PDB file of N, CA and C in Angstrom:
ATOM      1  N   MET A   1      87.671 -58.231  92.461  1.00  0.00           N
ATOM      2  CA  MET A   1      87.153 -58.400  91.116  1.00  0.00           C
ATOM      3  C   MET A   1      86.033 -57.403  90.825  1.00  0.00           C
ATOM      4  N   ARG A   2      85.318 -57.017  91.868  1.00  0.00           N
ATOM      5  CA  ARG A   2      84.215 -56.082  91.672  1.00  0.00           C
ATOM      6  C   ARG A   2      84.728 -54.727  91.180  1.00  0.00           C
ATOM      7  N   ALA A   3      85.873 -54.287  91.715  1.00  0.00           N
ATOM      8  CA  ALA A   3      86.453 -53.009  91.296  1.00  0.00           C
ATOM      9  C   ALA A   3      86.904 -53.075  89.831  1.00  0.00           C
ATOM     10  N   LEU A   4      87.466 -54.226  89.452  1.00  0.00           N
ATOM     11  CA  LEU A   4      87.877 -54.401  88.059  1.00  0.00           C
ATOM     12  C   LEU A   4      86.661 -54.368  87.133  1.00  0.00           C
ATOM     13  N   GLY A   5      85.581 -54.971  87.571  1.00  0.00           N
ATOM     14  CA  GLY A   5      84.354 -54.960  86.777  1.00  0.00           C
ATOM     15  C   GLY A   5      83.801 -53.559  86.603  1.00  0.00           C
ATOM     16  N   LYS A   6      83.772 -52.796  87.696  1.00  0.00           N
ATOM     17  CA  LYS A   6      83.281 -51.418  87.615  1.00  0.00           C
ATOM     18  C   LYS A   6      84.166 -50.563  86.720  1.00  0.00           C
ATOM     19  N   LEU A   7      85.470 -50.714  86.874  1.00  0.00           N
ATOM     20  CA  LEU A   7      86.405 -49.937  86.067  1.00  0.00           C
ATOM     21  C   LEU A   7      86.263 -50.263  84.582  1.00  0.00           C
ATOM     22  N   SER A   8      86.146 -51.527  84.250  1.00  0.00           N
ATOM     23  CA  SER A   8      86.042 -51.906  82.849  1.00  0.00           C
ATOM     24  C   SER A   8      84.711 -51.452  82.238  1.00  0.00           C
ATOM     25  N   VAL A   9      83.642 -51.464  83.017  1.00  0.00           N
ATOM     26  CA  VAL A   9      82.368 -50.971  82.507  1.00  0.00           C
ATOM     27  C   VAL A   9      82.433 -49.456  82.273  1.00  0.00           C
ATOM     28  N   ILE A  10      83.060 -48.732  83.178  1.00  0.00           N
ATOM     29  CA  ILE A  10      83.204 -47.282  83.004  1.00  0.00           C
ATOM     30  C   ILE A  10      84.072 -46.967  81.790  1.00  0.00           C
ATOM     31  N   LEU A  11      85.182 -47.689  81.631  1.00  0.00           N
ATOM     32  CA  LEU A  11      86.017 -47.501  80.440  1.00  0.00           C
ATOM     33  C   LEU A  11      85.255 -47.850  79.166  1.00  0.00           C
ATOM     34  N   GLY A  12      84.435 -48.875  79.227  1.00  0.00           N
ATOM     35  CA  GLY A  12      83.629 -49.250  78.072  1.00  0.00           C
ATOM     36  C   GLY A  12      82.637 -48.175  77.691  1.00  0.00           C
ATOM     37  N   ILE A  13      82.001 -47.556  78.684  1.00  0.00           N
ATOM     38  CA  ILE A  13      81.036 -46.492  78.400  1.00  0.00           C
ATOM     39  C   ILE A  13      81.733 -45.285  77.784  1.00  0.00           C
ATOM     40  N   VAL A  14      82.882 -44.898  78.348  1.00  0.00           N
ATOM     41  CA  VAL A  14      83.627 -43.757  77.802  1.00  0.00           C
ATOM     42  C   VAL A  14      84.090 -44.052  76.380  1.00  0.00           C
ATOM     43  N   SER A  15      84.606 -45.237  76.154  1.00  0.00           N
ATOM     44  CA  SER A  15      85.061 -45.612  74.822  1.00  0.00           C
ATOM     45  C   SER A  15      83.901 -45.675  73.830  1.00  0.00           C
ATOM     46  N   LEU A  16      82.751 -46.137  74.286  1.00  0.00           N
ATOM     47  CA  LEU A  16      81.570 -46.189  73.425  1.00  0.00           C
ATOM     48  C   LEU A  16      81.129 -44.787  73.017  1.00  0.00           C
ATOM     49  N   ILE A  17      81.128 -43.856  73.955  1.00  0.00           N
ATOM     50  CA  ILE A  17      80.739 -42.478  73.647  1.00  0.00           C
ATOM     51  C   ILE A  17      81.721 -41.848  72.663  1.00  0.00           C
ATOM     52  N   ILE A  18      83.016 -42.068  72.876  1.00  0.00           N
ATOM     53  CA  ILE A  18      84.023 -41.533  71.959  1.00  0.00           C
ATOM     54  C   ILE A  18      83.888 -42.162  70.578  1.00  0.00           C
ATOM     55  N   GLY A  19      83.649 -43.474  70.533  1.00  0.00           N
ATOM     56  CA  GLY A  19      83.492 -44.161  69.251  1.00  0.00           C
ATOM     57  C   GLY A  19      82.271 -43.691  68.481  1.00  0.00           C
ATOM     58  N   ILE A  20      81.158 -43.472  69.183  1.00  0.00           N
ATOM     59  CA  ILE A  20      79.956 -42.974  68.510  1.00  0.00           C
ATOM     60  C   ILE A  20      80.187 -41.561  67.997  1.00  0.00           C
ATOM     61  N   GLY A  21      80.852 -40.731  68.802  1.00  0.00           N
ATOM     62  CA  GLY A  21      81.172 -39.377  68.352  1.00  0.00           C
ATOM     63  C   GLY A  21      82.089 -39.375  67.145  1.00  0.00           C
ATOM     64  N   SER A  22      83.068 -40.248  67.154  1.00  0.00           N
ATOM     65  CA  SER A  22      83.979 -40.345  66.018  1.00  0.00           C
ATOM     66  C   SER A  22      83.262 -40.828  64.770  1.00  0.00           C
ATOM     67  N   ARG A  23      82.342 -41.760  64.928  1.00  0.00           N
ATOM     68  CA  ARG A  23      81.591 -42.254  63.785  1.00  0.00           C
ATOM     69  C   ARG A  23      80.625 -41.184  63.275  1.00  0.00           C
ATOM     70  N   TRP A  24      80.045 -40.413  64.198  1.00  0.00           N
ATOM     71  CA  TRP A  24      79.088 -39.379  63.837  1.00  0.00           C
ATOM     72  C   TRP A  24      79.760 -38.296  62.992  1.00  0.00           C
ATOM     73  N   PHE A  25      80.945 -37.852  63.419  1.00  0.00           N
ATOM     74  CA  PHE A  25      81.637 -36.773  62.714  1.00  0.00           C
ATOM     75  C   PHE A  25      82.541 -37.273  61.598  1.00  0.00           C
ATOM     76  N   ILE A  26      82.612 -38.598  61.435  1.00  0.00           N
ATOM     77  CA  ILE A  26      83.437 -39.246  60.398  1.00  0.00           C
ATOM     78  C   ILE A  26      84.857 -38.673  60.411  1.00  0.00           C
ATOM     79  N   GLU A  27      85.411 -38.615  61.599  1.00  0.00           N
ATOM     80  CA  GLU A  27      86.736 -38.046  61.800  1.00  0.00           C
ATOM     81  C   GLU A  27      87.462 -38.864  62.866  1.00  0.00           C
ATOM     82  N   PRO A  28      88.657 -39.364  62.565  1.00  0.00           N
ATOM     83  CA  PRO A  28      89.399 -40.102  63.592  1.00  0.00           C
ATOM     84  C   PRO A  28      89.798 -39.176  64.753  1.00  0.00           C
ATOM     85  N   ILE A  29      89.780 -39.700  65.946  1.00  0.00           N
ATOM     86  CA  ILE A  29      90.176 -38.935  67.129  1.00  0.00           C
ATOM     87  C   ILE A  29      91.575 -39.381  67.523  1.00  0.00           C
ATOM     88  N   GLN A  30      92.507 -38.446  67.534  1.00  0.00           N
ATOM     89  CA  GLN A  30      93.917 -38.727  67.838  1.00  0.00           C
ATOM     90  C   GLN A  30      94.476 -39.812  66.918  1.00  0.00           C
ATOM     91  N   GLY A  31      93.987 -39.876  65.688  1.00  0.00           N
ATOM     92  CA  GLY A  31      94.473 -40.851  64.724  1.00  0.00           C
ATOM     93  C   GLY A  31      93.868 -42.240  64.878  1.00  0.00           C
ATOM     94  N   ILE A  32      92.946 -42.408  65.807  1.00  0.00           N
ATOM     95  CA  ILE A  32      92.328 -43.714  66.039  1.00  0.00           C
ATOM     96  C   ILE A  32      90.905 -43.666  65.489  1.00  0.00           C
ATOM     97  N   GLU A  33      90.560 -44.635  64.664  1.00  0.00           N
ATOM     98  CA  GLU A  33      89.244 -44.639  64.028  1.00  0.00           C
ATOM     99  C   GLU A  33      88.171 -45.168  64.969  1.00  0.00           C
ATOM    100  N   ALA A  34      86.920 -44.922  64.599  1.00  0.00           N
ATOM    101  CA  ALA A  34      85.779 -45.280  65.445  1.00  0.00           C
ATOM    102  C   ALA A  34      85.709 -46.780  65.691  1.00  0.00           C
ATOM    103  N   HIS A  35      86.081 -47.576  64.710  1.00  0.00           N
ATOM    104  CA  HIS A  35      86.003 -49.026  64.854  1.00  0.00           C
ATOM    105  C   HIS A  35      86.868 -49.513  66.023  1.00  0.00           C
ATOM    106  N   ALA A  36      88.029 -48.918  66.188  1.00  0.00           N
ATOM    107  CA  ALA A  36      88.917 -49.330  67.287  1.00  0.00           C
ATOM    108  C   ALA A  36      88.299 -48.997  68.641  1.00  0.00           C
ATOM    109  N   PHE A  37      87.691 -47.816  68.760  1.00  0.00           N
ATOM    110  CA  PHE A  37      87.043 -47.448  70.018  1.00  0.00           C
ATOM    111  C   PHE A  37      85.875 -48.374  70.322  1.00  0.00           C
ATOM    112  N   LEU A  38      85.079 -48.693  69.306  1.00  0.00           N
ATOM    113  CA  LEU A  38      83.919 -49.552  69.523  1.00  0.00           C
ATOM    114  C   LEU A  38      84.332 -50.978  69.864  1.00  0.00           C
ATOM    115  N   SER A  39      85.388 -51.467  69.240  1.00  0.00           N
ATOM    116  CA  SER A  39      85.881 -52.804  69.565  1.00  0.00           C
ATOM    117  C   SER A  39      86.451 -52.845  70.986  1.00  0.00           C
ATOM    118  N   PHE A  40      87.143 -51.785  71.389  1.00  0.00           N
ATOM    119  CA  PHE A  40      87.678 -51.716  72.744  1.00  0.00           C
ATOM    120  C   PHE A  40      86.546 -51.676  73.766  1.00  0.00           C
ATOM    121  N   SER A  41      85.468 -50.970  73.450  1.00  0.00           N
ATOM    122  CA  SER A  41      84.340 -50.916  74.388  1.00  0.00           C
ATOM    123  C   SER A  41      83.687 -52.286  74.518  1.00  0.00           C
ATOM    124  N   GLN A  42      83.606 -53.047  73.441  1.00  0.00           N
ATOM    125  CA  GLN A  42      83.066 -54.403  73.528  1.00  0.00           C
ATOM    126  C   GLN A  42      83.932 -55.277  74.440  1.00  0.00           C
ATOM    127  N   ALA A  43      85.237 -55.151  74.293  1.00  0.00           N
ATOM    128  CA  ALA A  43      86.145 -55.934  75.132  1.00  0.00           C
ATOM    129  C   ALA A  43      86.008 -55.532  76.604  1.00  0.00           C
ATOM    130  N   CYS A  44      85.856 -54.239  76.859  1.00  0.00           N
ATOM    131  CA  CYS A  44      85.690 -53.773  78.245  1.00  0.00           C
ATOM    132  C   CYS A  44      84.396 -54.298  78.849  1.00  0.00           C
ATOM    133  N   PHE A  45      83.310 -54.259  78.071  1.00  0.00           N
ATOM    134  CA  PHE A  45      82.037 -54.758  78.585  1.00  0.00           C
ATOM    135  C   PHE A  45      82.118 -56.255  78.861  1.00  0.00           C
ATOM    136  N   LEU A  46      82.782 -57.000  77.988  1.00  0.00           N
ATOM    137  CA  LEU A  46      82.943 -58.438  78.194  1.00  0.00           C
ATOM    138  C   LEU A  46      83.765 -58.723  79.446  1.00  0.00           C
ATOM    139  N   LEU A  47      84.838 -57.971  79.642  1.00  0.00           N
ATOM    140  CA  LEU A  47      85.654 -58.139  80.835  1.00  0.00           C
ATOM    141  C   LEU A  47      84.863 -57.784  82.095  1.00  0.00           C
ATOM    142  N   GLY A  48      84.060 -56.734  82.019  1.00  0.00           N
ATOM    143  CA  GLY A  48      83.239 -56.347  83.162  1.00  0.00           C
ATOM    144  C   GLY A  48      82.215 -57.398  83.520  1.00  0.00           C
ATOM    145  N   ILE A  49      81.564 -57.961  82.523  1.00  0.00           N
ATOM    146  CA  ILE A  49      80.582 -59.027  82.767  1.00  0.00           C
ATOM    147  C   ILE A  49      81.264 -60.241  83.377  1.00  0.00           C
ATOM    148  N   ALA A  50      82.422 -60.601  82.852  1.00  0.00           N
ATOM    149  CA  ALA A  50      83.154 -61.752  83.391  1.00  0.00           C
ATOM    150  C   ALA A  50      83.584 -61.502  84.832  1.00  0.00           C
ATOM    151  N   ALA A  51      84.032 -60.284  85.135  1.00  0.00           N
ATOM    152  CA  ALA A  51      84.472 -59.972  86.489  1.00  0.00           C
ATOM    153  C   ALA A  51      83.299 -60.016  87.473  1.00  0.00           C
ATOM    154  N   PHE A  52      82.149 -59.473  87.070  1.00  0.00           N
ATOM    155  CA  PHE A  52      80.982 -59.514  87.945  1.00  0.00           C
ATOM    156  C   PHE A  52      80.489 -60.951  88.147  1.00  0.00           C
ATOM    157  N   HIS A  53      80.548 -61.747  87.084  1.00  0.00           N
ATOM    158  CA  HIS A  53      80.119 -63.136  87.187  1.00  0.00           C
ATOM    159  C   HIS A  53      81.067 -63.934  88.093  1.00  0.00           C
ATOM    160  N   TRP A  54      82.355 -63.711  87.926  1.00  0.00           N
ATOM    161  CA  TRP A  54      83.344 -64.402  88.724  1.00  0.00           C
ATOM    162  C   TRP A  54      83.190 -64.037  90.203  1.00  0.00           C
ATOM    163  N   ASP A  55      82.879 -62.774  90.468  1.00  0.00           N
ATOM    164  CA  ASP A  55      82.738 -62.298  91.837  1.00  0.00           C
ATOM    165  C   ASP A  55      81.496 -62.875  92.522  1.00  0.00           C
ATOM    166  N   SER A  56      80.470 -63.189  91.724  1.00  0.00           N
ATOM    167  CA  SER A  56      79.225 -63.685  92.316  1.00  0.00           C
ATOM    168  C   SER A  56      79.307 -65.145  92.743  1.00  0.00           C
ATOM    169  N   LYS A  57      80.314 -65.880  92.282  1.00  0.00           N
ATOM    170  CA  LYS A  57      80.423 -67.307  92.629  1.00  0.00           C
ATOM    171  C   LYS A  57      81.066 -67.497  93.977  1.00  0.00           C
TER     172      LYS A  57
END
């Protein structure tokens, strides 16, 4: 579970950076708007927190 947590946090950070860049330039990246990237990063961070919490029990 720890590996899943690390992977999801890393994906969340990358998605967050892409989403902020897309919002900054007001241009969709590969046809995907900034809102989708930011929502995906939230889901990744939530999954990472859950995985780390589950692993600590």
